[in-house]
Amino acid sequence: MKKAVIYIHGKGGDAGEAAHYIPLFSDCDVIGLNYSAQFPWEAKEEFPLLFDSICQNYKSVEIIANSIGAFFAMNSLSEKKIERAYFISPIVNMERLLGDMMQWANVTEEELQTKKEIETSFGETLSWEYLSYVRKNPVIWAISTYILYGEKDHLSCYETISEFAKQNNATLTVMRNGEHWFHTEEEMQFLDDWIRQVAQ
């Protein structure tokens, strides 16, 4: 039984992105998690079932998770037997991100509680249910983790990522001028080199 590497995409991504990582893990089966969850409570139900169906055939499992995929993984897979996690631009403090979004949209907590959902000009829907869930379900993560963070990430500040890395003994790598979405040739080259380095 070989090792599996499960790839968990971010918002707007898909399981097919896992193909990029196949050459980087030549001794493993790289499998994209084909999930439909949009909210953490949905991921909490869906992810463990998908994870278990993949992992029953493998002795050892690692995960690569991107952006909100990392938040969903921490929210739903923290008790699973995962040898190692590679997080790319992870959302590690969703309550802080939601608070930032409320500030950007000039929405108070009282307004959100009253209206339940508020559309923003930047394409996100603020949700009282989401904020309440995040507060009631803090992330507890004790899996060996490596984090890749872009210096110009607009969703998480360096302090937030650094604080999470310290609290969880995660290894943090920062790409100068890197953005939240790693997609340029330079960013992808940096990402590939990072994986080769930390996945040894």
N, C-alpha and C. Protein backbone atom coordinates (compact mmCIF):
# COMPACT_ATOMS: atom_id res chain seq x y z
N MET A 1 0.84 -1.20 0.00
CA MET A 1 0.00 0.00 0.00
C MET A 1 0.87 1.24 0.00
N LYS A 2 0.64 2.10 -0.98
CA LYS A 2 1.47 3.28 -1.14
C LYS A 2 0.95 4.45 -0.30
N LYS A 3 1.64 5.55 -0.44
CA LYS A 3 1.24 6.78 0.23
C LYS A 3 0.32 7.58 -0.70
N ALA A 4 -0.66 8.25 -0.10
CA ALA A 4 -1.54 9.13 -0.87
C ALA A 4 -1.29 10.57 -0.47
N VAL A 5 -1.35 11.47 -1.45
CA VAL A 5 -1.34 12.90 -1.19
C VAL A 5 -2.67 13.43 -1.69
N ILE A 6 -3.45 13.98 -0.78
CA ILE A 6 -4.78 14.49 -1.14
C ILE A 6 -4.70 16.01 -1.31
N TYR A 7 -5.15 16.48 -2.47
CA TYR A 7 -5.12 17.92 -2.75
C TYR A 7 -6.52 18.51 -2.52
N ILE A 8 -6.56 19.60 -1.75
CA ILE A 8 -7.84 20.25 -1.41
C ILE A 8 -7.81 21.68 -1.97
N HIS A 9 -8.62 21.92 -2.99
CA HIS A 9 -8.58 23.21 -3.70
C HIS A 9 -9.25 24.33 -2.91
N GLY A 10 -9.00 25.55 -3.36
CA GLY A 10 -9.63 26.72 -2.75
C GLY A 10 -10.88 27.12 -3.51
N LYS A 11 -11.40 28.31 -3.17
CA LYS A 11 -12.63 28.80 -3.80
C LYS A 11 -12.42 28.99 -5.30
N GLY A 12 -13.35 28.47 -6.08
CA GLY A 12 -13.26 28.62 -7.53
C GLY A 12 -12.34 27.60 -8.20
N GLY A 13 -11.67 26.77 -7.38
CA GLY A 13 -10.78 25.75 -7.93
C GLY A 13 -11.51 24.44 -8.15
N ASP A 14 -10.76 23.40 -8.52
CA ASP A 14 -11.37 22.08 -8.65
C ASP A 14 -10.34 20.99 -8.42
N ALA A 15 -10.83 19.78 -8.28
CA ALA A 15 -9.97 18.64 -7.95
C ALA A 15 -8.92 18.38 -9.02
N GLY A 16 -9.19 18.81 -10.25
CA GLY A 16 -8.25 18.60 -11.35
C GLY A 16 -6.91 19.30 -11.16
N GLU A 17 -6.88 20.32 -10.30
CA GLU A 17 -5.63 21.03 -10.02
C GLU A 17 -4.59 20.11 -9.40
N ALA A 18 -5.04 18.99 -8.86
CA ALA A 18 -4.12 18.02 -8.24
C ALA A 18 -3.07 17.53 -9.23
N ALA A 19 -3.40 17.54 -10.52
CA ALA A 19 -2.48 17.04 -11.55
C ALA A 19 -1.14 17.76 -11.51
N HIS A 20 -1.17 19.05 -11.11
CA HIS A 20 0.07 19.83 -11.06
C HIS A 20 1.09 19.20 -10.10
N TYR A 21 0.59 18.53 -9.06
CA TYR A 21 1.47 18.05 -7.99
C TYR A 21 1.97 16.62 -8.21
N ILE A 22 1.46 15.95 -9.25
CA ILE A 22 1.87 14.56 -9.50
C ILE A 22 3.38 14.44 -9.69
N PRO A 23 4.03 15.29 -10.52
CA PRO A 23 5.48 15.17 -10.69
C PRO A 23 6.28 15.47 -9.42
N LEU A 24 5.66 16.22 -8.49
CA LEU A 24 6.37 16.60 -7.27
C LEU A 24 6.31 15.50 -6.21
N PHE A 25 5.40 14.55 -6.38
CA PHE A 25 5.26 13.43 -5.45
C PHE A 25 5.26 12.13 -6.26
N SER A 26 6.37 11.85 -6.90
CA SER A 26 6.42 10.74 -7.85
C SER A 26 6.23 9.37 -7.20
N ASP A 27 6.47 9.28 -5.89
CA ASP A 27 6.33 7.98 -5.21
C ASP A 27 4.96 7.84 -4.54
N CYS A 28 4.05 8.76 -4.83
CA CYS A 28 2.72 8.75 -4.17
C CYS A 28 1.61 8.81 -5.21
N ASP A 29 0.42 8.44 -4.79
CA ASP A 29 -0.78 8.70 -5.59
C ASP A 29 -1.30 10.07 -5.17
N VAL A 30 -1.40 10.99 -6.11
CA VAL A 30 -1.92 12.33 -5.83
C VAL A 30 -3.38 12.38 -6.27
N ILE A 31 -4.26 12.68 -5.33
CA ILE A 31 -5.71 12.61 -5.60
C ILE A 31 -6.37 13.93 -5.20
N GLY A 32 -7.13 14.51 -6.11
CA GLY A 32 -7.86 15.74 -5.79
C GLY A 32 -9.14 15.40 -5.05
N LEU A 33 -9.42 16.15 -3.98
CA LEU A 33 -10.65 15.94 -3.22
C LEU A 33 -11.79 16.64 -3.97
N ASN A 34 -12.69 15.84 -4.51
CA ASN A 34 -13.77 16.38 -5.34
C ASN A 34 -14.95 16.71 -4.44
N TYR A 35 -14.89 17.89 -3.83
CA TYR A 35 -15.92 18.24 -2.84
C TYR A 35 -16.85 19.33 -3.36
N SER A 36 -18.01 19.44 -2.72
CA SER A 36 -18.97 20.48 -3.13
C SER A 36 -19.28 21.46 -2.01
N ALA A 37 -18.76 21.23 -0.81
CA ALA A 37 -19.04 22.10 0.35
C ALA A 37 -18.69 23.56 0.06
N GLN A 38 -19.57 24.44 0.48
CA GLN A 38 -19.33 25.90 0.36
C GLN A 38 -19.11 26.54 1.73
N PHE A 39 -19.53 25.82 2.76
CA PHE A 39 -19.48 26.35 4.12
C PHE A 39 -18.77 25.35 5.03
N PRO A 40 -18.17 25.83 6.14
CA PRO A 40 -17.42 24.91 7.00
C PRO A 40 -18.26 23.79 7.60
N TRP A 41 -19.54 24.07 7.91
CA TRP A 41 -20.38 23.01 8.47
C TRP A 41 -20.69 21.93 7.43
N GLU A 42 -20.73 22.34 6.15
CA GLU A 42 -20.91 21.34 5.09
C GLU A 42 -19.63 20.51 4.92
N ALA A 43 -18.48 21.19 4.99
CA ALA A 43 -17.19 20.49 4.87
C ALA A 43 -17.03 19.48 6.01
N LYS A 44 -17.52 19.86 7.19
CA LYS A 44 -17.39 18.97 8.36
C LYS A 44 -18.12 17.66 8.14
N GLU A 45 -19.18 17.69 7.36
CA GLU A 45 -19.92 16.46 7.05
C GLU A 45 -19.29 15.73 5.85
N GLU A 46 -18.91 16.49 4.83
CA GLU A 46 -18.47 15.90 3.57
C GLU A 46 -17.02 15.41 3.59
N PHE A 47 -16.12 16.21 4.13
CA PHE A 47 -14.69 15.89 4.05
C PHE A 47 -14.31 14.55 4.69
N PRO A 48 -14.76 14.27 5.93
CA PRO A 48 -14.35 13.00 6.54
C PRO A 48 -14.77 11.77 5.72
N LEU A 49 -15.94 11.84 5.09
CA LEU A 49 -16.41 10.71 4.28
C LEU A 49 -15.54 10.53 3.04
N LEU A 50 -15.24 11.65 2.37
CA LEU A 50 -14.37 11.58 1.18
C LEU A 50 -12.97 11.13 1.56
N PHE A 51 -12.47 11.66 2.66
CA PHE A 51 -11.12 11.32 3.14
C PHE A 51 -11.03 9.82 3.44
N ASP A 52 -12.02 9.31 4.18
CA ASP A 52 -12.00 7.89 4.55
C ASP A 52 -12.10 6.98 3.33
N SER A 53 -12.89 7.39 2.35
CA SER A 53 -13.06 6.54 1.16
C SER A 53 -11.75 6.45 0.37
N ILE A 54 -10.95 7.52 0.40
CA ILE A 54 -9.65 7.49 -0.27
C ILE A 54 -8.63 6.73 0.56
N CYS A 55 -8.62 7.00 1.85
CA CYS A 55 -7.51 6.53 2.70
C CYS A 55 -7.56 5.06 3.06
N GLN A 56 -8.67 4.42 2.85
CA GLN A 56 -8.75 3.00 3.23
C GLN A 56 -7.74 2.15 2.45
N ASN A 57 -7.26 2.67 1.31
CA ASN A 57 -6.32 1.91 0.49
C ASN A 57 -4.85 2.27 0.72
N TYR A 58 -4.59 3.18 1.68
CA TYR A 58 -3.23 3.66 1.86
C TYR A 58 -2.76 3.56 3.31
N LYS A 59 -1.48 3.34 3.45
CA LYS A 59 -0.88 3.24 4.77
C LYS A 59 -0.60 4.63 5.35
N SER A 60 -0.30 5.56 4.46
CA SER A 60 0.12 6.90 4.90
C SER A 60 -0.50 7.96 4.00
N VAL A 61 -0.92 9.09 4.62
CA VAL A 61 -1.60 10.15 3.87
C VAL A 61 -1.05 11.51 4.25
N GLU A 62 -0.82 12.33 3.23
CA GLU A 62 -0.47 13.74 3.43
C GLU A 62 -1.50 14.57 2.68
N ILE A 63 -1.60 15.85 3.04
CA ILE A 63 -2.54 16.71 2.31
C ILE A 63 -1.85 17.99 1.84
N ILE A 64 -2.31 18.49 0.69
CA ILE A 64 -1.95 19.83 0.21
C ILE A 64 -3.27 20.59 0.18
N ALA A 65 -3.32 21.75 0.82
CA ALA A 65 -4.58 22.50 0.84
C ALA A 65 -4.33 23.96 0.52
N ASN A 66 -5.22 24.51 -0.27
CA ASN A 66 -5.08 25.85 -0.81
C ASN A 66 -6.14 26.78 -0.23
N SER A 67 -5.73 27.93 0.31
CA SER A 67 -6.63 29.00 0.72
C SER A 67 -7.74 28.51 1.67
N ILE A 68 -9.00 28.67 1.28
CA ILE A 68 -10.09 28.24 2.15
C ILE A 68 -10.14 26.71 2.27
N GLY A 69 -9.52 26.01 1.31
CA GLY A 69 -9.42 24.55 1.43
C GLY A 69 -8.67 24.14 2.68
N ALA A 70 -7.67 24.96 3.06
CA ALA A 70 -6.92 24.69 4.29
C ALA A 70 -7.80 24.90 5.52
N PHE A 71 -8.60 25.96 5.49
CA PHE A 71 -9.52 26.20 6.61
C PHE A 71 -10.53 25.07 6.74
N PHE A 72 -11.10 24.64 5.60
CA PHE A 72 -12.05 23.53 5.62
C PHE A 72 -11.39 22.26 6.15
N ALA A 73 -10.13 22.01 5.75
CA ALA A 73 -9.41 20.82 6.21
C ALA A 73 -9.20 20.85 7.71
N MET A 74 -8.77 22.01 8.23
CA MET A 74 -8.54 22.12 9.68
C MET A 74 -9.85 21.98 10.46
N ASN A 75 -10.92 22.48 9.88
CA ASN A 75 -12.23 22.43 10.52
C ASN A 75 -12.81 21.02 10.54
N SER A 76 -12.41 20.18 9.56
CA SER A 76 -13.10 18.89 9.42
C SER A 76 -12.22 17.65 9.53
N LEU A 77 -10.90 17.82 9.39
CA LEU A 77 -10.02 16.64 9.34
C LEU A 77 -8.98 16.61 10.47
N SER A 78 -9.15 17.44 11.47
CA SER A 78 -8.11 17.57 12.51
C SER A 78 -7.88 16.28 13.29
N GLU A 79 -8.87 15.40 13.31
CA GLU A 79 -8.70 14.16 14.08
C GLU A 79 -8.31 12.97 13.20
N LYS A 80 -8.13 13.23 11.91
CA LYS A 80 -7.73 12.15 11.00
C LYS A 80 -6.22 11.91 11.08
N LYS A 81 -5.84 10.71 10.65
CA LYS A 81 -4.41 10.36 10.68
C LYS A 81 -3.75 10.92 9.42
N ILE A 82 -3.23 12.14 9.56
CA ILE A 82 -2.55 12.82 8.45
C ILE A 82 -1.10 13.01 8.87
N GLU A 83 -0.21 12.48 8.05
CA GLU A 83 1.21 12.52 8.40
C GLU A 83 1.77 13.94 8.32
N ARG A 84 1.33 14.69 7.31
CA ARG A 84 1.88 16.01 7.09
C ARG A 84 0.93 16.83 6.23
N ALA A 85 0.95 18.16 6.44
CA ALA A 85 0.09 19.04 5.64
C ALA A 85 0.94 20.14 5.01
N TYR A 86 0.63 20.45 3.75
CA TYR A 86 1.27 21.56 3.04
C TYR A 86 0.16 22.57 2.73
N PHE A 87 0.24 23.74 3.34
CA PHE A 87 -0.79 24.76 3.15
C PHE A 87 -0.25 25.88 2.27
N ILE A 88 -1.00 26.21 1.22
CA ILE A 88 -0.63 27.29 0.31
C ILE A 88 -1.62 28.44 0.50
N SER A 89 -1.12 29.60 0.94
CA SER A 89 -1.98 30.78 1.20
C SER A 89 -3.19 30.41 2.05
N PRO A 90 -2.98 29.72 3.18
CA PRO A 90 -4.14 29.23 3.93
C PRO A 90 -4.89 30.34 4.65
N ILE A 91 -6.21 30.15 4.78
CA ILE A 91 -7.00 31.00 5.67
C ILE A 91 -6.91 30.32 7.04
N VAL A 92 -6.17 30.93 7.96
CA VAL A 92 -5.95 30.27 9.27
C VAL A 92 -6.75 30.93 10.38
N ASN A 93 -7.27 32.13 10.14
CA ASN A 93 -8.10 32.81 11.14
C ASN A 93 -9.32 33.39 10.42
N MET A 94 -10.34 32.55 10.27
CA MET A 94 -11.52 32.96 9.51
C MET A 94 -12.28 34.08 10.21
N GLU A 95 -12.30 34.09 11.53
CA GLU A 95 -13.02 35.16 12.24
C GLU A 95 -12.39 36.51 11.92
N ARG A 96 -11.06 36.55 11.89
CA ARG A 96 -10.38 37.80 11.57
C ARG A 96 -10.66 38.23 10.13
N LEU A 97 -10.65 37.26 9.21
CA LEU A 97 -10.93 37.59 7.80
C LEU A 97 -12.35 38.12 7.64
N LEU A 98 -13.31 37.49 8.30
CA LEU A 98 -14.69 37.97 8.21
C LEU A 98 -14.81 39.37 8.79
N GLY A 99 -14.10 39.61 9.89
CA GLY A 99 -14.09 40.96 10.49
C GLY A 99 -13.50 41.99 9.54
N ASP A 100 -12.41 41.60 8.85
CA ASP A 100 -11.80 42.50 7.85
C ASP A 100 -12.79 42.81 6.73
N MET A 101 -13.48 41.77 6.26
CA MET A 101 -14.45 41.95 5.17
C MET A 101 -15.59 42.87 5.60
N MET A 102 -16.00 42.73 6.86
CA MET A 102 -17.07 43.61 7.37
C MET A 102 -16.59 45.07 7.37
N GLN A 103 -15.31 45.26 7.74
CA GLN A 103 -14.74 46.62 7.71
C GLN A 103 -14.69 47.16 6.28
N TRP A 104 -14.22 46.31 5.35
CA TRP A 104 -14.14 46.75 3.94
C TRP A 104 -15.50 47.16 3.42
N ALA A 105 -16.53 46.42 3.86
CA ALA A 105 -17.90 46.68 3.38
C ALA A 105 -18.63 47.70 4.25
N ASN A 106 -17.95 48.18 5.31
CA ASN A 106 -18.55 49.14 6.24
C ASN A 106 -19.84 48.60 6.86
N VAL A 107 -19.76 47.34 7.31
CA VAL A 107 -20.91 46.66 7.92
C VAL A 107 -20.59 46.40 9.39
N THR A 108 -21.50 46.76 10.27
CA THR A 108 -21.29 46.50 11.70
C THR A 108 -21.82 45.11 12.05
N GLU A 109 -21.37 44.62 13.22
CA GLU A 109 -21.84 43.30 13.66
C GLU A 109 -23.35 43.32 13.91
N GLU A 110 -23.84 44.44 14.45
CA GLU A 110 -25.28 44.57 14.74
C GLU A 110 -26.10 44.48 13.44
N GLU A 111 -25.60 45.15 12.40
CA GLU A 111 -26.29 45.11 11.09
C GLU A 111 -26.35 43.68 10.56
N LEU A 112 -25.20 43.00 10.65
CA LEU A 112 -25.14 41.64 10.11
C LEU A 112 -26.05 40.71 10.90
N GLN A 113 -26.08 40.89 12.21
CA GLN A 113 -26.95 40.04 13.06
C GLN A 113 -28.42 40.26 12.70
N THR A 114 -28.77 41.50 12.41
CA THR A 114 -30.16 41.83 12.07
C THR A 114 -30.54 41.33 10.69
N LYS A 115 -29.66 41.58 9.70
CA LYS A 115 -30.00 41.23 8.31
C LYS A 115 -29.65 39.79 7.94
N LYS A 116 -28.81 39.14 8.75
CA LYS A 116 -28.37 37.75 8.54
C LYS A 116 -27.38 37.58 7.37
N GLU A 117 -27.69 38.19 6.22
CA GLU A 117 -26.76 38.13 5.07
C GLU A 117 -26.70 39.50 4.41
N ILE A 118 -25.47 39.90 4.02
CA ILE A 118 -25.29 41.18 3.34
C ILE A 118 -24.34 40.98 2.16
N GLU A 119 -24.80 41.38 0.97
CA GLU A 119 -23.95 41.31 -0.23
C GLU A 119 -22.93 42.45 -0.17
N THR A 120 -21.73 42.19 -0.66
CA THR A 120 -20.71 43.25 -0.68
C THR A 120 -20.38 43.63 -2.13
N SER A 121 -19.71 44.77 -2.27
CA SER A 121 -19.33 45.24 -3.61
C SER A 121 -18.17 44.43 -4.18
N PHE A 122 -17.46 43.66 -3.31
CA PHE A 122 -16.31 42.87 -3.78
C PHE A 122 -16.66 41.39 -3.99
N GLY A 123 -17.97 41.11 -4.07
CA GLY A 123 -18.39 39.78 -4.52
C GLY A 123 -18.58 38.72 -3.44
N GLU A 124 -18.37 39.09 -2.18
CA GLU A 124 -18.58 38.12 -1.10
C GLU A 124 -19.90 38.43 -0.38
N THR A 125 -20.56 37.39 0.11
CA THR A 125 -21.76 37.58 0.91
C THR A 125 -21.40 37.38 2.37
N LEU A 126 -21.56 38.43 3.17
CA LEU A 126 -21.30 38.31 4.60
C LEU A 126 -22.48 37.60 5.25
N SER A 127 -22.17 36.69 6.17
CA SER A 127 -23.22 35.85 6.76
C SER A 127 -23.06 35.77 8.28
N TRP A 128 -24.15 36.07 8.98
CA TRP A 128 -24.13 35.98 10.44
C TRP A 128 -23.96 34.52 10.88
N GLU A 129 -24.58 33.60 10.15
CA GLU A 129 -24.47 32.18 10.47
C GLU A 129 -23.01 31.72 10.38
N TYR A 130 -22.30 32.19 9.35
CA TYR A 130 -20.89 31.84 9.14
C TYR A 130 -20.03 32.36 10.30
N LEU A 131 -20.21 33.64 10.63
CA LEU A 131 -19.45 34.26 11.72
C LEU A 131 -19.71 33.54 13.04
N SER A 132 -20.97 33.23 13.30
CA SER A 132 -21.34 32.53 14.55
C SER A 132 -20.72 31.14 14.60
N TYR A 133 -20.73 30.43 13.48
CA TYR A 133 -20.15 29.08 13.42
C TYR A 133 -18.66 29.12 13.74
N VAL A 134 -17.98 30.07 13.11
CA VAL A 134 -16.52 30.17 13.28
C VAL A 134 -16.17 30.45 14.74
N ARG A 135 -16.96 31.29 15.39
CA ARG A 135 -16.71 31.61 16.81
C ARG A 135 -16.97 30.41 17.72
N LYS A 136 -17.97 29.63 17.37
CA LYS A 136 -18.31 28.48 18.22
C LYS A 136 -17.43 27.27 17.96
N ASN A 137 -16.73 27.26 16.82
CA ASN A 137 -15.92 26.09 16.43
C ASN A 137 -14.47 26.50 16.13
N PRO A 138 -13.71 26.88 17.17
CA PRO A 138 -12.33 27.28 16.91
C PRO A 138 -11.50 26.13 16.35
N VAL A 139 -10.57 26.47 15.48
CA VAL A 139 -9.72 25.46 14.85
C VAL A 139 -8.71 24.92 15.85
N ILE A 140 -8.61 23.60 15.94
CA ILE A 140 -7.57 22.95 16.75
C ILE A 140 -6.81 22.04 15.79
N TRP A 141 -5.53 22.31 15.61
CA TRP A 141 -4.75 21.63 14.56
C TRP A 141 -3.40 21.21 15.12
N ALA A 142 -3.13 19.92 15.16
CA ALA A 142 -1.88 19.44 15.76
C ALA A 142 -1.06 18.60 14.77
N ILE A 143 -1.32 18.78 13.48
CA ILE A 143 -0.63 17.98 12.45
C ILE A 143 0.60 18.75 11.96
N SER A 144 1.67 18.05 11.71
CA SER A 144 2.90 18.66 11.21
C SER A 144 2.60 19.40 9.90
N THR A 145 2.85 20.72 9.89
CA THR A 145 2.38 21.56 8.79
C THR A 145 3.47 22.49 8.26
N TYR A 146 3.48 22.62 6.93
CA TYR A 146 4.37 23.55 6.23
C TYR A 146 3.49 24.56 5.51
N ILE A 147 3.80 25.84 5.67
CA ILE A 147 2.96 26.90 5.10
C ILE A 147 3.75 27.72 4.09
N LEU A 148 3.13 27.96 2.93
CA LEU A 148 3.69 28.89 1.93
C LEU A 148 2.77 30.10 1.88
N TYR A 149 3.36 31.27 2.09
CA TYR A 149 2.58 32.51 2.18
C TYR A 149 3.19 33.57 1.26
N GLY A 150 2.34 34.26 0.52
CA GLY A 150 2.80 35.34 -0.35
C GLY A 150 2.83 36.66 0.42
N GLU A 151 3.92 37.38 0.32
CA GLU A 151 4.10 38.63 1.06
C GLU A 151 2.96 39.62 0.80
N LYS A 152 2.38 39.60 -0.40
CA LYS A 152 1.31 40.55 -0.74
C LYS A 152 -0.08 39.91 -0.70
N ASP A 153 -0.23 38.90 0.14
CA ASP A 153 -1.54 38.25 0.31
C ASP A 153 -2.53 39.28 0.86
N HIS A 154 -3.62 39.51 0.13
CA HIS A 154 -4.59 40.54 0.54
C HIS A 154 -5.65 40.01 1.52
N LEU A 155 -5.66 38.69 1.75
CA LEU A 155 -6.69 38.12 2.63
C LEU A 155 -6.19 37.85 4.05
N SER A 156 -4.89 37.59 4.19
CA SER A 156 -4.32 37.34 5.52
C SER A 156 -3.05 38.15 5.68
N CYS A 157 -2.95 38.88 6.78
CA CYS A 157 -1.72 39.64 7.01
C CYS A 157 -0.65 38.70 7.57
N TYR A 158 0.59 39.16 7.48
CA TYR A 158 1.73 38.34 7.93
C TYR A 158 1.59 37.98 9.41
N GLU A 159 1.13 38.94 10.22
CA GLU A 159 0.99 38.69 11.67
C GLU A 159 0.06 37.52 11.95
N THR A 160 -1.04 37.45 11.20
CA THR A 160 -2.01 36.35 11.40
C THR A 160 -1.38 35.00 11.08
N ILE A 161 -0.69 34.92 9.95
CA ILE A 161 -0.06 33.67 9.53
C ILE A 161 1.06 33.29 10.50
N SER A 162 1.86 34.29 10.86
CA SER A 162 3.00 34.06 11.75
C SER A 162 2.54 33.56 13.12
N GLU A 163 1.48 34.17 13.62
CA GLU A 163 0.91 33.78 14.92
C GLU A 163 0.42 32.32 14.87
N PHE A 164 -0.28 31.98 13.80
CA PHE A 164 -0.75 30.59 13.64
C PHE A 164 0.42 29.62 13.58
N ALA A 165 1.45 29.99 12.80
CA ALA A 165 2.62 29.11 12.64
C ALA A 165 3.29 28.86 14.00
N LYS A 166 3.42 29.92 14.79
CA LYS A 166 4.05 29.77 16.11
C LYS A 166 3.22 28.88 17.02
N GLN A 167 1.92 29.13 17.06
CA GLN A 167 1.03 28.37 17.95
C GLN A 167 0.99 26.89 17.58
N ASN A 168 1.16 26.59 16.30
CA ASN A 168 1.01 25.21 15.82
C ASN A 168 2.33 24.57 15.41
N ASN A 169 3.44 25.23 15.75
CA ASN A 169 4.77 24.71 15.39
C ASN A 169 4.88 24.39 13.89
N ALA A 170 4.24 25.23 13.08
CA ALA A 170 4.29 25.04 11.62
C ALA A 170 5.52 25.75 11.06
N THR A 171 6.03 25.26 9.95
CA THR A 171 7.17 25.88 9.28
C THR A 171 6.65 26.84 8.22
N LEU A 172 7.01 28.12 8.36
CA LEU A 172 6.46 29.16 7.48
C LEU A 172 7.52 29.62 6.47
N THR A 173 7.13 29.63 5.19
CA THR A 173 7.98 30.17 4.12
C THR A 173 7.23 31.32 3.47
N VAL A 174 7.91 32.46 3.31
CA VAL A 174 7.28 33.64 2.71
C VAL A 174 7.92 33.93 1.36
N MET A 175 7.08 34.09 0.34
CA MET A 175 7.58 34.48 -0.98
C MET A 175 7.48 36.01 -1.13
N ARG A 176 8.61 36.65 -1.33
CA ARG A 176 8.60 38.10 -1.54
C ARG A 176 7.77 38.45 -2.77
N ASN A 177 6.89 39.41 -2.61
CA ASN A 177 6.00 39.89 -3.69
C ASN A 177 4.97 38.84 -4.15
N GLY A 178 4.93 37.68 -3.49
CA GLY A 178 3.92 36.67 -3.84
C GLY A 178 2.53 37.15 -3.43
N GLU A 179 1.51 36.71 -4.16
CA GLU A 179 0.13 37.11 -3.86
C GLU A 179 -0.63 35.92 -3.26
N HIS A 180 -1.89 36.17 -2.92
CA HIS A 180 -2.70 35.09 -2.33
C HIS A 180 -2.86 33.93 -3.31
N TRP A 181 -3.17 34.28 -4.55
CA TRP A 181 -3.36 33.25 -5.57
C TRP A 181 -2.04 33.01 -6.29
N PHE A 182 -1.41 31.89 -6.01
CA PHE A 182 -0.17 31.54 -6.69
C PHE A 182 -0.53 31.05 -8.10
N HIS A 183 -0.18 31.84 -9.12
CA HIS A 183 -0.56 31.44 -10.47
C HIS A 183 0.44 31.89 -11.55
N THR A 184 1.25 32.93 -11.26
CA THR A 184 2.21 33.37 -12.29
C THR A 184 3.31 32.32 -12.42
N GLU A 185 4.06 32.42 -13.49
CA GLU A 185 5.15 31.47 -13.71
C GLU A 185 6.15 31.50 -12.55
N GLU A 186 6.47 32.73 -12.12
CA GLU A 186 7.42 32.89 -11.01
C GLU A 186 6.88 32.29 -9.72
N GLU A 187 5.60 32.55 -9.45
CA GLU A 187 4.98 32.03 -8.22
C GLU A 187 4.92 30.50 -8.24
N MET A 188 4.56 29.93 -9.38
CA MET A 188 4.45 28.47 -9.47
C MET A 188 5.82 27.80 -9.36
N GLN A 189 6.84 28.46 -9.90
CA GLN A 189 8.21 27.94 -9.77
C GLN A 189 8.63 27.94 -8.31
N PHE A 190 8.29 29.02 -7.61
CA PHE A 190 8.62 29.14 -6.18
C PHE A 190 7.89 28.05 -5.39
N LEU A 191 6.60 27.87 -5.71
CA LEU A 191 5.78 26.85 -5.05
C LEU A 191 6.39 25.45 -5.26
N ASP A 192 6.75 25.15 -6.49
CA ASP A 192 7.31 23.82 -6.80
C ASP A 192 8.62 23.59 -6.05
N ASP A 193 9.48 24.61 -6.05
CA ASP A 193 10.76 24.51 -5.35
C ASP A 193 10.54 24.32 -3.85
N TRP A 194 9.55 25.04 -3.32
CA TRP A 194 9.21 24.93 -1.89
C TRP A 194 8.77 23.51 -1.55
N ILE A 195 7.87 22.96 -2.37
CA ILE A 195 7.40 21.58 -2.10
C ILE A 195 8.57 20.60 -2.16
N ARG A 196 9.39 20.73 -3.16
CA ARG A 196 10.54 19.79 -3.28
C ARG A 196 11.42 19.87 -2.04
N GLN A 197 11.56 21.06 -1.51
CA GLN A 197 12.42 21.27 -0.35
C GLN A 197 11.80 20.68 0.93
N VAL A 198 10.54 20.98 1.18
CA VAL A 198 9.94 20.58 2.47
C VAL A 198 9.38 19.17 2.46
N ALA A 199 9.15 18.61 1.27
CA ALA A 199 8.52 17.27 1.21
C ALA A 199 9.52 16.13 1.23
N GLN A 200 10.78 16.43 1.46
CA GLN A 200 11.81 15.37 1.44
C GLN A 200 11.60 14.38 2.58
